[in-house]
C-alpha atoms as a PDB file:
ATOM      1  CA  MET A   1      43.202 -27.545 -24.951  1.00  0.00           C
ATOM      2  CA  THR A   2      46.299 -29.382 -24.277  1.00  0.00           C
ATOM      3  CA  VAL A   3      46.845 -33.144 -24.681  1.00  0.00           C
ATOM      4  CA  ALA A   4      47.003 -33.644 -20.913  1.00  0.00           C
ATOM      5  CA  THR A   5      43.641 -31.849 -20.297  1.00  0.00           C
ATOM      6  CA  ALA A   6      42.010 -33.913 -23.149  1.00  0.00           C
ATOM      7  CA  LEU A   7      43.261 -37.016 -21.644  1.00  0.00           C
ATOM      8  CA  ARG A   8      42.076 -36.141 -18.266  1.00  0.00           C
ATOM      9  CA  ALA A   9      38.653 -35.238 -19.560  1.00  0.00           C
ATOM     10  CA  PHE A  10      38.467 -38.538 -21.529  1.00  0.00           C
ATOM     11  CA  GLY A  11      39.455 -40.468 -18.347  1.00  0.00           C
ATOM     12  CA  ARG A  12      36.838 -38.682 -16.192  1.00  0.00           C
ATOM     13  CA  PHE A  13      34.138 -39.400 -18.892  1.00  0.00           C
ATOM     14  CA  TRP A  14      34.888 -43.141 -18.855  1.00  0.00           C
ATOM     15  CA  TRP A  15      35.119 -43.219 -15.129  1.00  0.00           C
ATOM     16  CA  ASP A  16      31.732 -41.614 -14.758  1.00  0.00           C
ATOM     17  CA  PHE A  17      30.256 -43.836 -17.569  1.00  0.00           C
ATOM     18  CA  LEU A  18      31.548 -47.103 -16.266  1.00  0.00           C
ATOM     19  CA  ILE A  19      31.769 -46.541 -12.479  1.00  0.00           C
ATOM     20  CA  GLY A  20      29.450 -43.735 -11.865  1.00  0.00           C
ATOM     21  CA  ASP A  21      28.299 -43.384  -8.316  1.00  0.00           C
ATOM     22  CA  THR A  22      28.203 -47.203  -7.590  1.00  0.00           C
ATOM     23  CA  PRO A  23      31.775 -48.572  -7.623  1.00  0.00           C
ATOM     24  CA  GLU A  24      30.661 -51.664  -5.709  1.00  0.00           C
ATOM     25  CA  LEU A  25      28.172 -52.568  -8.504  1.00  0.00           C
ATOM     26  CA  ALA A  26      30.924 -52.103 -11.108  1.00  0.00           C
ATOM     27  CA  GLY A  27      33.082 -54.327  -9.090  1.00  0.00           C
ATOM     28  CA  GLY A  28      30.389 -56.946  -8.796  1.00  0.00           C
ATOM     29  CA  THR A  29      29.957 -56.790 -12.609  1.00  0.00           C
ATOM     30  CA  LEU A  30      33.603 -57.531 -13.038  1.00  0.00           C
ATOM     31  CA  VAL A  31      33.378 -60.543 -10.721  1.00  0.00           C
ATOM     32  CA  VAL A  32      30.391 -61.918 -12.713  1.00  0.00           C
ATOM     33  CA  ILE A  33      32.374 -61.358 -15.975  1.00  0.00           C
ATOM     34  CA  ALA A  34      35.300 -63.144 -14.369  1.00  0.00           C
ATOM     35  CA  ILE A  35      33.174 -66.168 -13.367  1.00  0.00           C
ATOM     36  CA  ALA A  36      31.698 -66.423 -16.922  1.00  0.00           C
ATOM     37  CA  TRP A  37      35.242 -66.213 -18.365  1.00  0.00           C
ATOM     38  CA  ALA A  38      36.430 -69.053 -16.029  1.00  0.00           C
ATOM     39  CA  ILE A  39      33.407 -71.237 -16.938  1.00  0.00           C
ATOM     40  CA  ALA A  40      34.126 -70.578 -20.626  1.00  0.00           C
ATOM     41  CA  HIS A  41      37.733 -71.709 -20.135  1.00  0.00           C
ATOM     42  CA  GLY A  42      36.989 -74.983 -18.325  1.00  0.00           C
ATOM     43  CA  ALA A  43      36.277 -74.153 -14.684  1.00  0.00           C
ATOM     44  CA  GLY A  44      32.968 -76.015 -14.854  1.00  0.00           C
ATOM     45  CA  ALA A  45      32.585 -76.077 -11.062  1.00  0.00           C
ATOM     46  CA  LEU A  46      31.779 -72.448 -11.120  1.00  0.00           C
ATOM     47  CA  VAL A  47      28.624 -73.123 -13.047  1.00  0.00           C
ATOM     48  CA  VAL A  48      26.830 -73.023  -9.700  1.00  0.00           C
ATOM     49  CA  CYS A  49      28.445 -69.708  -8.707  1.00  0.00           C
ATOM     50  CA  PHE A  50      27.474 -67.854 -11.786  1.00  0.00           C
ATOM     51  CA  PRO A  51      23.606 -67.602 -11.162  1.00  0.00           C
ATOM     52  CA  ALA A  52      24.210 -66.843  -7.506  1.00  0.00           C
ATOM     53  CA  ALA A  53      26.632 -64.101  -8.367  1.00  0.00           C
ATOM     54  CA  VAL A  54      24.111 -62.511 -10.802  1.00  0.00           C
ATOM     55  CA  VAL A  55      21.264 -62.744  -8.206  1.00  0.00           C
ATOM     56  CA  LEU A  56      23.440 -61.176  -5.494  1.00  0.00           C
ATOM     57  CA  LEU A  57      24.450 -58.347  -7.842  1.00  0.00           C
ATOM     58  CA  LEU A  58      20.898 -57.750  -8.803  1.00  0.00           C
ATOM     59  CA  ALA A  59      19.678 -57.827  -5.264  1.00  0.00           C
ATOM     60  CA  ALA A  60      22.433 -55.334  -4.291  1.00  0.00           C
ATOM     61  CA  SER A  61      21.443 -53.047  -7.189  1.00  0.00           C
ATOM     62  CA  LEU A  62      17.756 -53.126  -6.185  1.00  0.00           C
ATOM     63  CA  TRP A  63      18.585 -52.549  -2.444  1.00  0.00           C
ATOM     64  CA  ARG A  64      20.704 -49.500  -3.328  1.00  0.00           C
ATOM     65  CA  GLY A  65      18.050 -48.225  -5.667  1.00  0.00           C
ATOM     66  CA  ARG A  66      15.357 -48.551  -3.030  1.00  0.00           C
ATOM     67  CA  ARG A  67      17.429 -46.902  -0.367  1.00  0.00           C
ATOM     68  CA  GLY A  68      18.027 -43.684  -2.304  1.00  0.00           C
END
């Protein structure tokens, strides 16, 4: 196994593990993490957005799960 093949396999593993078949939920998770980071670094106005973002992400996940 060459180094390039090993790196490609490693990259595919992490893509499948983190993204899987729902890239929109992975993106939503990144948005929620970004909001939490902004709150922790002084953007107090986003405190209202954080619960809403979490609820929307969970609703999207449930909708997608019920659909399939």
